[in-house]
Amino acid sequence: MSSLRKIELMYHVFGKIEGHTCGECSNFVSGCYRGRSLRKCYVYGMTHSEASDWARRYTACGQLNREYHGNSIINLVRHNSSPTKEPEQPLAGQISLEELT
């Protein structure tokens, strides 16, 4: 999933609502920060990075004007960014959960 563009990822997770744009959505936030204009999607994630900037013209996703209380999508991508990554090995001498019970 991490190889999808951010808006495509939103469509993958929430679906797409043709005929509406992100600029119409209550989750679209714009403003100024340190002299820069920022445009963000609350559902995708609120960061100071330009990489998470949003476009008003994007076709709206299924979260159009819906209140969202889940994890931001950008955080889900960050935590799952490498699905082929090998699981971390325990450190030498580290106690496992099985040993605690």
Protein backbone atom coordinates (compact mmCIF):
# COMPACT_ATOMS: atom_id res chain seq x y z
CA MET A 1 0.00 0.00 0.00
CA SER A 2 2.82 2.46 0.67
CA SER A 3 3.63 2.67 -3.06
CA LEU A 4 0.26 4.35 -3.73
CA ARG A 5 0.12 8.13 -4.01
CA LYS A 6 -1.50 9.70 -0.96
CA ILE A 7 -4.84 10.45 -2.63
CA GLU A 8 -4.94 7.00 -4.22
CA LEU A 9 -4.34 5.53 -0.78
CA MET A 10 -7.33 7.47 0.55
CA TYR A 11 -9.48 6.07 -2.30
CA HIS A 12 -8.18 2.57 -1.56
CA VAL A 13 -9.18 2.86 2.12
CA PHE A 14 -12.37 4.95 1.94
CA GLY A 15 -13.58 4.88 -1.66
CA LYS A 16 -14.09 7.81 -4.02
CA ILE A 17 -16.97 10.29 -4.32
CA GLU A 18 -17.18 11.61 -7.87
CA GLY A 19 -18.54 15.12 -8.35
CA HIS A 20 -17.02 16.47 -5.12
CA THR A 21 -13.57 17.75 -4.24
CA CYS A 22 -11.45 17.76 -1.12
CA GLY A 23 -11.83 21.54 -0.97
CA GLU A 24 -15.55 21.03 -0.14
CA CYS A 25 -14.76 18.70 2.77
CA SER A 26 -14.80 19.60 6.47
CA ASN A 27 -11.60 17.54 6.87
CA PHE A 28 -9.71 19.85 4.49
CA VAL A 29 -7.70 22.37 6.50
CA SER A 30 -5.81 25.36 5.14
CA GLY A 31 -3.90 28.14 6.79
CA CYS A 32 -0.52 29.76 7.26
CA TYR A 33 2.36 28.45 9.33
CA ARG A 34 5.64 30.36 9.58
CA GLY A 35 4.76 32.38 6.52
CA ARG A 36 3.90 29.36 4.38
CA SER A 37 0.49 28.39 3.11
CA LEU A 38 -0.45 24.87 4.22
CA ARG A 39 -3.24 22.64 2.97
CA LYS A 40 -3.89 19.38 4.80
CA CYS A 41 -6.39 16.58 5.08
CA TYR A 42 -7.22 15.89 8.72
CA VAL A 43 -7.90 12.22 7.94
CA TYR A 44 -4.65 11.72 6.01
CA GLY A 45 -2.59 13.45 8.70
CA MET A 46 -1.61 16.81 10.08
CA THR A 47 2.15 17.26 9.74
CA HIS A 48 4.45 20.21 9.07
CA SER A 49 5.91 18.42 6.06
CA GLU A 50 5.20 19.52 2.51
CA ALA A 51 4.95 15.83 1.63
CA SER A 52 1.55 15.68 3.31
CA ASP A 53 0.20 18.84 1.65
CA TRP A 54 -3.19 18.35 0.04
CA ALA A 55 -4.88 19.75 -3.07
CA ARG A 56 -8.37 21.25 -3.04
CA ARG A 57 -8.93 19.88 -6.56
CA TYR A 58 -8.53 16.19 -5.60
CA THR A 59 -11.72 14.20 -6.06
CA ALA A 60 -13.16 13.62 -2.58
CA CYS A 61 -12.75 10.31 -0.79
CA GLY A 62 -15.43 8.48 1.19
CA GLN A 63 -14.68 10.57 4.29
CA LEU A 64 -16.27 13.65 2.68
CA ASN A 65 -17.64 15.76 5.55
CA ARG A 66 -17.49 12.80 7.94
CA GLU A 67 -16.03 13.03 11.41
CA TYR A 68 -12.98 10.79 11.72
CA HIS A 69 -11.57 9.41 14.98
CA GLY A 70 -9.18 6.73 13.71
CA ASN A 71 -5.43 6.85 13.27
CA SER A 72 -4.24 9.22 10.60
CA ILE A 73 -3.57 7.40 7.36
CA ILE A 74 -0.03 8.77 7.10
CA ASN A 75 0.80 7.13 10.45
CA LEU A 76 -0.61 3.81 9.28
CA VAL A 77 1.60 4.01 6.18
CA ARG A 78 4.67 4.91 8.25
CA HIS A 79 4.18 1.92 10.52
CA ASN A 80 3.61 -0.45 7.59
CA SER A 81 6.03 1.12 5.15
CA SER A 82 8.10 -2.01 4.62
CA PRO A 83 5.92 -5.12 4.45
CA THR A 84 8.90 -7.22 3.35
CA LYS A 85 11.05 -6.14 6.29
CA GLU A 86 12.29 -9.01 8.42
CA PRO A 87 10.89 -9.14 11.96
CA GLU A 88 13.22 -7.73 14.59
CA GLN A 89 15.25 -10.33 16.42
CA PRO A 90 15.34 -10.21 20.23
CA LEU A 91 18.46 -8.79 21.83
CA ALA A 92 20.83 -11.25 23.50
CA GLY A 93 19.65 -11.84 27.07
CA GLN A 94 16.27 -10.19 26.48
CA ILE A 95 13.38 -11.78 28.41
CA SER A 96 10.44 -12.96 26.28
CA LEU A 97 6.79 -12.60 27.26
CA GLU A 98 6.57 -16.39 27.58
CA GLU A 99 9.27 -16.35 30.25
CA LEU A 100 7.29 -13.85 32.33
CA THR A 101 4.23 -16.09 32.70
